[in-house]
Amino acid sequence: MAVDGTWNITLSTPMGDRPAQLTLKTDGNALSGTFGSERGSQEFTGGTVDGNNVSWKTSFNGAMGPMELTFTGAVDGDTIGGTVQFGAFGSGSWKGTRA
C-alpha cells in the first residue's frame, strides 16, 4: 500500500520546526509503526488507514514533559503531511517525504 514505508518528516510545533522519522505499516485498515525524534522512538498501534488518509496517536516525552500526539494526514505519492495535536499544548502541521 502507498502508506507503508519510512518517512522523514518535519513537525511545525509551537516551539519551532522539529525533524522526526516515521515508519508506517498497514494491515487492512489498521495502522502501526514507529515515531522517532531527537528525544527517542516510540512504537504505536491502533491507527487507521482509509485510502491514502492516515491517523494515529503516540506518546512523546517532549520539552514540556510527556504528552500524547494525535496525527491526521494523507499520503500523496512520495509526500505525506497533515495536522498534529500536541496534547494540551496546541496543534501544528507536519509534512515529509519518503526516505
PDB file of N, CA and C in Angstrom:
ATOM      1  N   MET A   1       0.837  -1.182   0.000  1.00  0.00           N
ATOM      2  CA  MET A   1       0.000   0.000   0.000  1.00  0.00           C
ATOM      3  C   MET A   1       0.883   1.247   0.000  1.00  0.00           C
ATOM      4  N   ALA A   2       0.385   2.332  -0.531  1.00  0.00           N
ATOM      5  CA  ALA A   2       1.156   3.566  -0.685  1.00  0.00           C
ATOM      6  C   ALA A   2       1.568   4.190   0.641  1.00  0.00           C
ATOM      7  N   VAL A   3       0.909   3.816   1.746  1.00  0.00           N
ATOM      8  CA  VAL A   3       1.198   4.399   3.049  1.00  0.00           C
ATOM      9  C   VAL A   3       2.444   3.767   3.678  1.00  0.00           C
ATOM     10  N   ASP A   4       2.660   2.472   3.464  1.00  0.00           N
ATOM     11  CA  ASP A   4       3.748   1.745   4.114  1.00  0.00           C
ATOM     12  C   ASP A   4       5.105   2.327   3.751  1.00  0.00           C
ATOM     13  N   GLY A   5       6.000   2.348   4.742  1.00  0.00           N
ATOM     14  CA  GLY A   5       7.358   2.777   4.482  1.00  0.00           C
ATOM     15  C   GLY A   5       7.898   3.688   5.554  1.00  0.00           C
ATOM     16  N   THR A   6       9.094   4.187   5.300  1.00  0.00           N
ATOM     17  CA  THR A   6       9.772   5.105   6.213  1.00  0.00           C
ATOM     18  C   THR A   6       9.728   6.504   5.622  1.00  0.00           C
ATOM     19  N   TRP A   7       9.436   7.477   6.481  1.00  0.00           N
ATOM     20  CA  TRP A   7       9.250   8.866   6.073  1.00  0.00           C
ATOM     21  C   TRP A   7      10.117   9.772   6.932  1.00  0.00           C
ATOM     22  N   ASN A   8      10.782  10.735   6.304  1.00  0.00           N
ATOM     23  CA  ASN A   8      11.482  11.797   7.019  1.00  0.00           C
ATOM     24  C   ASN A   8      10.513  12.977   7.083  1.00  0.00           C
ATOM     25  N   ILE A   9      10.135  13.353   8.311  1.00  0.00           N
ATOM     26  CA  ILE A   9       9.114  14.391   8.455  1.00  0.00           C
ATOM     27  C   ILE A   9       9.634  15.563   9.280  1.00  0.00           C
ATOM     28  N   THR A  10       8.934  16.681   9.175  1.00  0.00           N
ATOM     29  CA  THR A  10       9.182  17.864   9.988  1.00  0.00           C
ATOM     30  C   THR A  10       7.878  18.248  10.664  1.00  0.00           C
ATOM     31  N   LEU A  11       7.923  18.386  11.991  1.00  0.00           N
ATOM     32  CA  LEU A  11       6.773  18.853  12.752  1.00  0.00           C
ATOM     33  C   LEU A  11       6.909  20.359  12.957  1.00  0.00           C
ATOM     34  N   SER A  12       5.885  21.115  12.628  1.00  0.00           N
ATOM     35  CA  SER A  12       5.847  22.551  12.921  1.00  0.00           C
ATOM     36  C   SER A  12       5.154  22.701  14.263  1.00  0.00           C
ATOM     37  N   THR A  13       5.945  22.910  15.317  1.00  0.00           N
ATOM     38  CA  THR A  13       5.439  22.941  16.681  1.00  0.00           C
ATOM     39  C   THR A  13       5.369  24.375  17.193  1.00  0.00           C
ATOM     40  N   PRO A  14       4.693  24.593  18.329  1.00  0.00           N
ATOM     41  CA  PRO A  14       4.695  25.936  18.925  1.00  0.00           C
ATOM     42  C   PRO A  14       6.102  26.412  19.302  1.00  0.00           C
ATOM     43  N   MET A  15       7.069  25.484  19.396  1.00  0.00           N
ATOM     44  CA  MET A  15       8.439  25.847  19.751  1.00  0.00           C
ATOM     45  C   MET A  15       9.389  25.754  18.551  1.00  0.00           C
ATOM     46  N   GLY A  16       8.848  25.776  17.338  1.00  0.00           N
ATOM     47  CA  GLY A  16       9.674  25.725  16.133  1.00  0.00           C
ATOM     48  C   GLY A  16       9.604  24.388  15.429  1.00  0.00           C
ATOM     49  N   ASP A  17      10.260  24.304  14.281  1.00  0.00           N
ATOM     50  CA  ASP A  17      10.264  23.079  13.489  1.00  0.00           C
ATOM     51  C   ASP A  17      11.159  22.025  14.132  1.00  0.00           C
ATOM     52  N   ARG A  18      10.686  20.770  14.102  1.00  0.00           N
ATOM     53  CA  ARG A  18      11.420  19.655  14.676  1.00  0.00           C
ATOM     54  C   ARG A  18      11.455  18.509  13.672  1.00  0.00           C
ATOM     55  N   PRO A  19      12.649  17.957  13.374  1.00  0.00           N
ATOM     56  CA  PRO A  19      12.743  16.805  12.477  1.00  0.00           C
ATOM     57  C   PRO A  19      12.350  15.523  13.210  1.00  0.00           C
ATOM     58  N   ALA A  20      11.818  14.571  12.474  1.00  0.00           N
ATOM     59  CA  ALA A  20      11.457  13.269  13.033  1.00  0.00           C
ATOM     60  C   ALA A  20      11.452  12.237  11.914  1.00  0.00           C
ATOM     61  N   GLN A  21      11.410  10.976  12.316  1.00  0.00           N
ATOM     62  CA  GLN A  21      11.296   9.894  11.340  1.00  0.00           C
ATOM     63  C   GLN A  21      10.089   9.046  11.712  1.00  0.00           C
ATOM     64  N   LEU A  22       9.378   8.632  10.697  1.00  0.00           N
ATOM     65  CA  LEU A  22       8.143   7.899  10.872  1.00  0.00           C
ATOM     66  C   LEU A  22       8.215   6.637  10.026  1.00  0.00           C
ATOM     67  N   THR A  23       7.870   5.500  10.637  1.00  0.00           N
ATOM     68  CA  THR A  23       7.756   4.249   9.896  1.00  0.00           C
ATOM     69  C   THR A  23       6.321   3.769  10.030  1.00  0.00           C
ATOM     70  N   LEU A  24       5.647   3.552   8.905  1.00  0.00           N
ATOM     71  CA  LEU A  24       4.247   3.152   8.898  1.00  0.00           C
ATOM     72  C   LEU A  24       4.083   1.773   8.273  1.00  0.00           C
ATOM     73  N   LYS A  25       3.181   0.974   8.858  1.00  0.00           N
ATOM     74  CA  LYS A  25       2.861  -0.357   8.333  1.00  0.00           C
ATOM     75  C   LYS A  25       1.364  -0.558   8.420  1.00  0.00           C
ATOM     76  N   THR A  26       0.771  -0.970   7.308  1.00  0.00           N
ATOM     77  CA  THR A  26      -0.665  -1.215   7.271  1.00  0.00           C
ATOM     78  C   THR A  26      -0.957  -2.708   7.297  1.00  0.00           C
ATOM     79  N   ASP A  27      -2.128  -3.029   7.841  1.00  0.00           N
ATOM     80  CA  ASP A  27      -2.671  -4.382   7.823  1.00  0.00           C
ATOM     81  C   ASP A  27      -4.171  -4.200   7.646  1.00  0.00           C
ATOM     82  N   GLY A  28      -4.622  -4.227   6.389  1.00  0.00           N
ATOM     83  CA  GLY A  28      -6.008  -3.859   6.110  1.00  0.00           C
ATOM     84  C   GLY A  28      -6.186  -2.374   6.392  1.00  0.00           C
ATOM     85  N   ASN A  29      -7.149  -2.031   7.264  1.00  0.00           N
ATOM     86  CA  ASN A  29      -7.371  -0.634   7.642  1.00  0.00           C
ATOM     87  C   ASN A  29      -6.643  -0.251   8.921  1.00  0.00           C
ATOM     88  N   ALA A  30      -5.856  -1.176   9.487  1.00  0.00           N
ATOM     89  CA  ALA A  30      -5.113  -0.910  10.725  1.00  0.00           C
ATOM     90  C   ALA A  30      -3.738  -0.337  10.391  1.00  0.00           C
ATOM     91  N   LEU A  31      -3.302   0.612  11.216  1.00  0.00           N
ATOM     92  CA  LEU A  31      -2.010   1.260  11.018  1.00  0.00           C
ATOM     93  C   LEU A  31      -1.192   1.143  12.301  1.00  0.00           C
ATOM     94  N   SER A  32       0.071   0.771  12.145  1.00  0.00           N
ATOM     95  CA  SER A  32       1.010   0.736  13.262  1.00  0.00           C
ATOM     96  C   SER A  32       2.330   1.296  12.762  1.00  0.00           C
ATOM     97  N   GLY A  33       3.275   1.479  13.686  1.00  0.00           N
ATOM     98  CA  GLY A  33       4.561   1.986  13.255  1.00  0.00           C
ATOM     99  C   GLY A  33       5.398   2.500  14.394  1.00  0.00           C
ATOM    100  N   THR A  34       6.365   3.347  14.030  1.00  0.00           N
ATOM    101  CA  THR A  34       7.288   3.941  14.990  1.00  0.00           C
ATOM    102  C   THR A  34       7.441   5.419  14.669  1.00  0.00           C
ATOM    103  N   PHE A  35       7.401   6.247  15.705  1.00  0.00           N
ATOM    104  CA  PHE A  35       7.671   7.673  15.597  1.00  0.00           C
ATOM    105  C   PHE A  35       8.954   7.939  16.360  1.00  0.00           C
ATOM    106  N   GLY A  36       9.950   8.519  15.698  1.00  0.00           N
ATOM    107  CA  GLY A  36      11.230   8.774  16.342  1.00  0.00           C
ATOM    108  C   GLY A  36      11.700  10.195  16.140  1.00  0.00           C
ATOM    109  N   SER A  37      12.319  10.755  17.191  1.00  0.00           N
ATOM    110  CA  SER A  37      12.871  12.108  17.120  1.00  0.00           C
ATOM    111  C   SER A  37      14.134  12.160  17.967  1.00  0.00           C
ATOM    112  N   GLU A  38      14.666  13.360  18.167  1.00  0.00           N
ATOM    113  CA  GLU A  38      15.865  13.509  18.983  1.00  0.00           C
ATOM    114  C   GLU A  38      15.607  13.095  20.433  1.00  0.00           C
ATOM    115  N   ARG A  39      14.364  12.930  20.824  1.00  0.00           N
ATOM    116  CA  ARG A  39      14.009  12.526  22.191  1.00  0.00           C
ATOM    117  C   ARG A  39      13.707  11.028  22.296  1.00  0.00           C
ATOM    118  N   GLY A  40      14.007  10.254  21.242  1.00  0.00           N
ATOM    119  CA  GLY A  40      13.808   8.813  21.293  1.00  0.00           C
ATOM    120  C   GLY A  40      12.713   8.344  20.355  1.00  0.00           C
ATOM    121  N   SER A  41      12.486   7.036  20.359  1.00  0.00           N
ATOM    122  CA  SER A  41      11.489   6.419  19.473  1.00  0.00           C
ATOM    123  C   SER A  41      10.369   5.813  20.292  1.00  0.00           C
ATOM    124  N   GLN A  42       9.182   5.804  19.709  1.00  0.00           N
ATOM    125  CA  GLN A  42       8.009   5.224  20.360  1.00  0.00           C
ATOM    126  C   GLN A  42       7.209   4.453  19.317  1.00  0.00           C
ATOM    127  N   GLU A  43       6.953   3.166  19.587  1.00  0.00           N
ATOM    128  CA  GLU A  43       6.081   2.390  18.710  1.00  0.00           C
ATOM    129  C   GLU A  43       4.630   2.720  19.019  1.00  0.00           C
ATOM    130  N   PHE A  44       3.775   2.574  18.012  1.00  0.00           N
ATOM    131  CA  PHE A  44       2.350   2.795  18.225  1.00  0.00           C
ATOM    132  C   PHE A  44       1.542   1.764  17.456  1.00  0.00           C
ATOM    133  N   THR A  45       0.345   1.506  17.931  1.00  0.00           N
ATOM    134  CA  THR A  45      -0.640   0.674  17.258  1.00  0.00           C
ATOM    135  C   THR A  45      -1.977   1.391  17.392  1.00  0.00           C
ATOM    136  N   GLY A  46      -2.997   0.862  16.761  1.00  0.00           N
ATOM    137  CA  GLY A  46      -4.327   1.435  16.899  1.00  0.00           C
ATOM    138  C   GLY A  46      -4.642   2.547  15.929  1.00  0.00           C
ATOM    139  N   GLY A  47      -3.742   2.822  14.985  1.00  0.00           N
ATOM    140  CA  GLY A  47      -4.017   3.823  13.967  1.00  0.00           C
ATOM    141  C   GLY A  47      -4.949   3.273  12.901  1.00  0.00           C
ATOM    142  N   THR A  48      -5.414   4.154  12.027  1.00  0.00           N
ATOM    143  CA  THR A  48      -6.304   3.733  10.950  1.00  0.00           C
ATOM    144  C   THR A  48      -5.837   4.286   9.610  1.00  0.00           C
ATOM    145  N   VAL A  49      -6.228   3.567   8.564  1.00  0.00           N
ATOM    146  CA  VAL A  49      -5.967   3.962   7.183  1.00  0.00           C
ATOM    147  C   VAL A  49      -7.293   3.906   6.435  1.00  0.00           C
ATOM    148  N   ASP A  50      -7.571   4.939   5.661  1.00  0.00           N
ATOM    149  CA  ASP A  50      -8.748   4.975   4.797  1.00  0.00           C
ATOM    150  C   ASP A  50      -8.283   5.517   3.457  1.00  0.00           C
ATOM    151  N   GLY A  51      -7.956   4.606   2.531  1.00  0.00           N
ATOM    152  CA  GLY A  51      -7.356   5.037   1.260  1.00  0.00           C
ATOM    153  C   GLY A  51      -5.966   5.573   1.536  1.00  0.00           C
ATOM    154  N   ASN A  52      -5.725   6.839   1.195  1.00  0.00           N
ATOM    155  CA  ASN A  52      -4.435   7.476   1.481  1.00  0.00           C
ATOM    156  C   ASN A  52      -4.461   8.297   2.763  1.00  0.00           C
ATOM    157  N   ASN A  53      -5.598   8.321   3.477  1.00  0.00           N
ATOM    158  CA  ASN A  53      -5.712   9.062   4.731  1.00  0.00           C
ATOM    159  C   ASN A  53      -5.255   8.204   5.897  1.00  0.00           C
ATOM    160  N   VAL A  54      -4.517   8.822   6.832  1.00  0.00           N
ATOM    161  CA  VAL A  54      -3.979   8.114   7.982  1.00  0.00           C
ATOM    162  C   VAL A  54      -4.285   8.887   9.259  1.00  0.00           C
ATOM    163  N   SER A  55      -4.382   8.151  10.365  1.00  0.00           N
ATOM    164  CA  SER A  55      -4.487   8.787  11.683  1.00  0.00           C
ATOM    165  C   SER A  55      -3.958   7.824  12.734  1.00  0.00           C
ATOM    166  N   TRP A  56      -3.315   8.366  13.769  1.00  0.00           N
ATOM    167  CA  TRP A  56      -2.797   7.567  14.868  1.00  0.00           C
ATOM    168  C   TRP A  56      -2.448   8.483  16.030  1.00  0.00           C
ATOM    169  N   LYS A  57      -2.228   7.847  17.193  1.00  0.00           N
ATOM    170  CA  LYS A  57      -1.786   8.549  18.398  1.00  0.00           C
ATOM    171  C   LYS A  57      -0.525   7.867  18.903  1.00  0.00           C
ATOM    172  N   THR A  58       0.371   8.670  19.472  1.00  0.00           N
ATOM    173  CA  THR A  58       1.575   8.130  20.082  1.00  0.00           C
ATOM    174  C   THR A  58       1.955   8.973  21.287  1.00  0.00           C
ATOM    175  N   SER A  59       2.592   8.363  22.260  1.00  0.00           N
ATOM    176  CA  SER A  59       3.109   9.094  23.412  1.00  0.00           C
ATOM    177  C   SER A  59       4.457   9.685  23.043  1.00  0.00           C
ATOM    178  N   PHE A  60       4.783  10.815  23.681  1.00  0.00           N
ATOM    179  CA  PHE A  60       6.019  11.513  23.353  1.00  0.00           C
ATOM    180  C   PHE A  60       6.494  12.238  24.603  1.00  0.00           C
ATOM    181  N   ASN A  61       7.781  12.159  24.898  1.00  0.00           N
ATOM    182  CA  ASN A  61       8.353  12.874  26.025  1.00  0.00           C
ATOM    183  C   ASN A  61       8.980  14.154  25.498  1.00  0.00           C
ATOM    184  N   GLY A  62       8.192  15.205  25.437  1.00  0.00           N
ATOM    185  CA  GLY A  62       8.645  16.467  24.867  1.00  0.00           C
ATOM    186  C   GLY A  62       9.303  17.374  25.882  1.00  0.00           C
ATOM    187  N   ALA A  63       9.675  18.565  25.453  1.00  0.00           N
ATOM    188  CA  ALA A  63      10.328  19.546  26.314  1.00  0.00           C
ATOM    189  C   ALA A  63       9.441  19.946  27.491  1.00  0.00           C
ATOM    190  N   MET A  64       8.132  19.858  27.321  1.00  0.00           N
ATOM    191  CA  MET A  64       7.187  20.217  28.375  1.00  0.00           C
ATOM    192  C   MET A  64       6.725  18.991  29.158  1.00  0.00           C
ATOM    193  N   GLY A  65       7.389  17.849  28.976  1.00  0.00           N
ATOM    194  CA  GLY A  65       7.009  16.625  29.669  1.00  0.00           C
ATOM    195  C   GLY A  65       6.256  15.681  28.745  1.00  0.00           C
ATOM    196  N   PRO A  66       5.773  14.558  29.284  1.00  0.00           N
ATOM    197  CA  PRO A  66       5.080  13.583  28.445  1.00  0.00           C
ATOM    198  C   PRO A  66       3.753  14.133  27.914  1.00  0.00           C
ATOM    199  N   MET A  67       3.446  13.785  26.691  1.00  0.00           N
ATOM    200  CA  MET A  67       2.178  14.184  26.084  1.00  0.00           C
ATOM    201  C   MET A  67       1.784  13.170  25.024  1.00  0.00           C
ATOM    202  N   GLU A  68       0.512  13.217  24.648  1.00  0.00           N
ATOM    203  CA  GLU A  68       0.028  12.366  23.567  1.00  0.00           C
ATOM    204  C   GLU A  68      -0.057  13.212  22.301  1.00  0.00           C
ATOM    205  N   LEU A  69       0.551  12.715  21.238  1.00  0.00           N
ATOM    206  CA  LEU A  69       0.471  13.361  19.931  1.00  0.00           C
ATOM    207  C   LEU A  69      -0.602  12.653  19.124  1.00  0.00           C
ATOM    208  N   THR A  70      -1.505  13.417  18.527  1.00  0.00           N
ATOM    209  CA  THR A  70      -2.565  12.868  17.690  1.00  0.00           C
ATOM    210  C   THR A  70      -2.347  13.368  16.264  1.00  0.00           C
ATOM    211  N   PHE A  71      -2.012  12.450  15.374  1.00  0.00           N
ATOM    212  CA  PHE A  71      -1.712  12.781  13.979  1.00  0.00           C
ATOM    213  C   PHE A  71      -2.890  12.445  13.071  1.00  0.00           C
ATOM    214  N   THR A  72      -3.172  13.315  12.119  1.00  0.00           N
ATOM    215  CA  THR A  72      -4.038  13.015  10.989  1.00  0.00           C
ATOM    216  C   THR A  72      -3.330  13.524   9.751  1.00  0.00           C
ATOM    217  N   GLY A  73      -3.537  12.847   8.628  1.00  0.00           N
ATOM    218  CA  GLY A  73      -2.868  13.289   7.419  1.00  0.00           C
ATOM    219  C   GLY A  73      -3.202  12.423   6.229  1.00  0.00           C
ATOM    220  N   ALA A  74      -2.429  12.631   5.171  1.00  0.00           N
ATOM    221  CA  ALA A  74      -2.652  11.902   3.925  1.00  0.00           C
ATOM    222  C   ALA A  74      -1.333  11.734   3.188  1.00  0.00           C
ATOM    223  N   VAL A  75      -1.267  10.649   2.432  1.00  0.00           N
ATOM    224  CA  VAL A  75      -0.129  10.354   1.569  1.00  0.00           C
ATOM    225  C   VAL A  75      -0.498  10.742   0.148  1.00  0.00           C
ATOM    226  N   ASP A  76       0.435  11.392  -0.546  1.00  0.00           N
ATOM    227  CA  ASP A  76       0.257  11.742  -1.954  1.00  0.00           C
ATOM    228  C   ASP A  76       1.554  11.377  -2.661  1.00  0.00           C
ATOM    229  N   GLY A  77       1.610  10.151  -3.196  1.00  0.00           N
ATOM    230  CA  GLY A  77       2.835   9.686  -3.852  1.00  0.00           C
ATOM    231  C   GLY A  77       3.940   9.514  -2.836  1.00  0.00           C
ATOM    232  N   ASP A  78       5.022  10.286  -2.993  1.00  0.00           N
ATOM    233  CA  ASP A  78       6.158  10.201  -2.075  1.00  0.00           C
ATOM    234  C   ASP A  78       6.171  11.333  -1.059  1.00  0.00           C
ATOM    235  N   THR A  79       5.023  11.996  -0.853  1.00  0.00           N
ATOM    236  CA  THR A  79       4.906  13.019   0.178  1.00  0.00           C
ATOM    237  C   THR A  79       3.795  12.637   1.144  1.00  0.00           C
ATOM    238  N   ILE A  80       3.915  13.145   2.353  1.00  0.00           N
ATOM    239  CA  ILE A  80       2.944  12.870   3.410  1.00  0.00           C
ATOM    240  C   ILE A  80       2.829  14.126   4.256  1.00  0.00           C
ATOM    241  N   GLY A  81       1.677  14.351   4.867  1.00  0.00           N
ATOM    242  CA  GLY A  81       1.540  15.511   5.742  1.00  0.00           C
ATOM    243  C   GLY A  81       0.145  15.626   6.293  1.00  0.00           C
ATOM    244  N   GLY A  82       0.004  16.546   7.251  1.00  0.00           N
ATOM    245  CA  GLY A  82      -1.290  16.770   7.868  1.00  0.00           C
ATOM    246  C   GLY A  82      -1.173  17.640   9.093  1.00  0.00           C
ATOM    247  N   THR A  83      -2.020  17.358  10.100  1.00  0.00           N
ATOM    248  CA  THR A  83      -2.029  18.122  11.337  1.00  0.00           C
ATOM    249  C   THR A  83      -1.699  17.215  12.511  1.00  0.00           C
ATOM    250  N   VAL A  84      -1.190  17.817  13.575  1.00  0.00           N
ATOM    251  CA  VAL A  84      -0.859  17.090  14.793  1.00  0.00           C
ATOM    252  C   VAL A  84      -1.290  17.922  15.990  1.00  0.00           C
ATOM    253  N   GLN A  85      -1.931  17.265  16.943  1.00  0.00           N
ATOM    254  CA  GLN A  85      -2.307  17.884  18.210  1.00  0.00           C
ATOM    255  C   GLN A  85      -1.258  17.513  19.245  1.00  0.00           C
ATOM    256  N   PHE A  86      -0.684  18.509  19.922  1.00  0.00           N
ATOM    257  CA  PHE A  86       0.359  18.291  20.916  1.00  0.00           C
ATOM    258  C   PHE A  86      -0.252  18.263  22.315  1.00  0.00           C
ATOM    259  N   GLY A  87      -1.024  17.232  22.609  1.00  0.00           N
ATOM    260  CA  GLY A  87      -1.675  17.150  23.912  1.00  0.00           C
ATOM    261  C   GLY A  87      -2.446  18.424  24.188  1.00  0.00           C
ATOM    262  N   ALA A  88      -2.215  19.031  25.354  1.00  0.00           N
ATOM    263  CA  ALA A  88      -2.884  20.285  25.730  1.00  0.00           C
ATOM    264  C   ALA A  88      -2.101  21.518  25.272  1.00  0.00           C
ATOM    265  N   PHE A  89      -1.028  21.316  24.485  1.00  0.00           N
ATOM    266  CA  PHE A  89      -0.135  22.406  24.127  1.00  0.00           C
ATOM    267  C   PHE A  89      -0.363  22.970  22.731  1.00  0.00           C
ATOM    268  N   GLY A  90      -1.533  22.779  22.168  1.00  0.00           N
ATOM    269  CA  GLY A  90      -1.822  23.338  20.856  1.00  0.00           C
ATOM    270  C   GLY A  90      -1.620  22.333  19.740  1.00  0.00           C
ATOM    271  N   SER A  91      -1.662  22.830  18.531  1.00  0.00           N
ATOM    272  CA  SER A  91      -1.528  21.964  17.365  1.00  0.00           C
ATOM    273  C   SER A  91      -0.583  22.594  16.361  1.00  0.00           C
ATOM    274  N   GLY A  92      -0.252  21.810  15.363  1.00  0.00           N
ATOM    275  CA  GLY A  92       0.626  22.273  14.311  1.00  0.00           C
ATOM    276  C   GLY A  92       0.457  21.401  13.089  1.00  0.00           C
ATOM    277  N   SER A  93       1.342  21.576  12.162  1.00  0.00           N
ATOM    278  CA  SER A  93       1.299  20.771  10.940  1.00  0.00           C
ATOM    279  C   SER A  93       2.539  19.883  10.886  1.00  0.00           C
ATOM    280  N   TRP A  94       2.481  18.908  10.018  1.00  0.00           N
ATOM    281  CA  TRP A  94       3.639  18.056   9.764  1.00  0.00           C
ATOM    282  C   TRP A  94       3.651  17.697   8.302  1.00  0.00           C
ATOM    283  N   LYS A  95       4.851  17.492   7.761  1.00  0.00           N
ATOM    284  CA  LYS A  95       4.984  17.097   6.353  1.00  0.00           C
ATOM    285  C   LYS A  95       6.306  16.371   6.191  1.00  0.00           C
ATOM    286  N   GLY A  96       6.382  15.597   5.131  1.00  0.00           N
ATOM    287  CA  GLY A  96       7.612  14.867   4.884  1.00  0.00           C
ATOM    288  C   GLY A  96       7.630  14.179   3.551  1.00  0.00           C
ATOM    289  N   THR A  97       8.748  13.469   3.335  1.00  0.00           N
ATOM    290  CA  THR A  97       8.941  12.720   2.102  1.00  0.00           C
ATOM    291  C   THR A  97       9.401  11.313   2.439  1.00  0.00           C
ATOM    292  N   ARG A  98       9.152  10.415   1.513  1.00  0.00           N
ATOM    293  CA  ARG A  98       9.563   9.023   1.679  1.00  0.00           C
ATOM    294  C   ARG A  98      11.086   8.948   1.762  1.00  0.00           C
ATOM    295  N   ALA A  99      11.583   8.195   2.731  1.00  0.00           N
ATOM    296  CA  ALA A  99      13.028   8.066   2.940  1.00  0.00           C
ATOM    297  C   ALA A  99      13.644   7.132   1.914  1.00  0.00           C
TER     298      ALA A  99
END
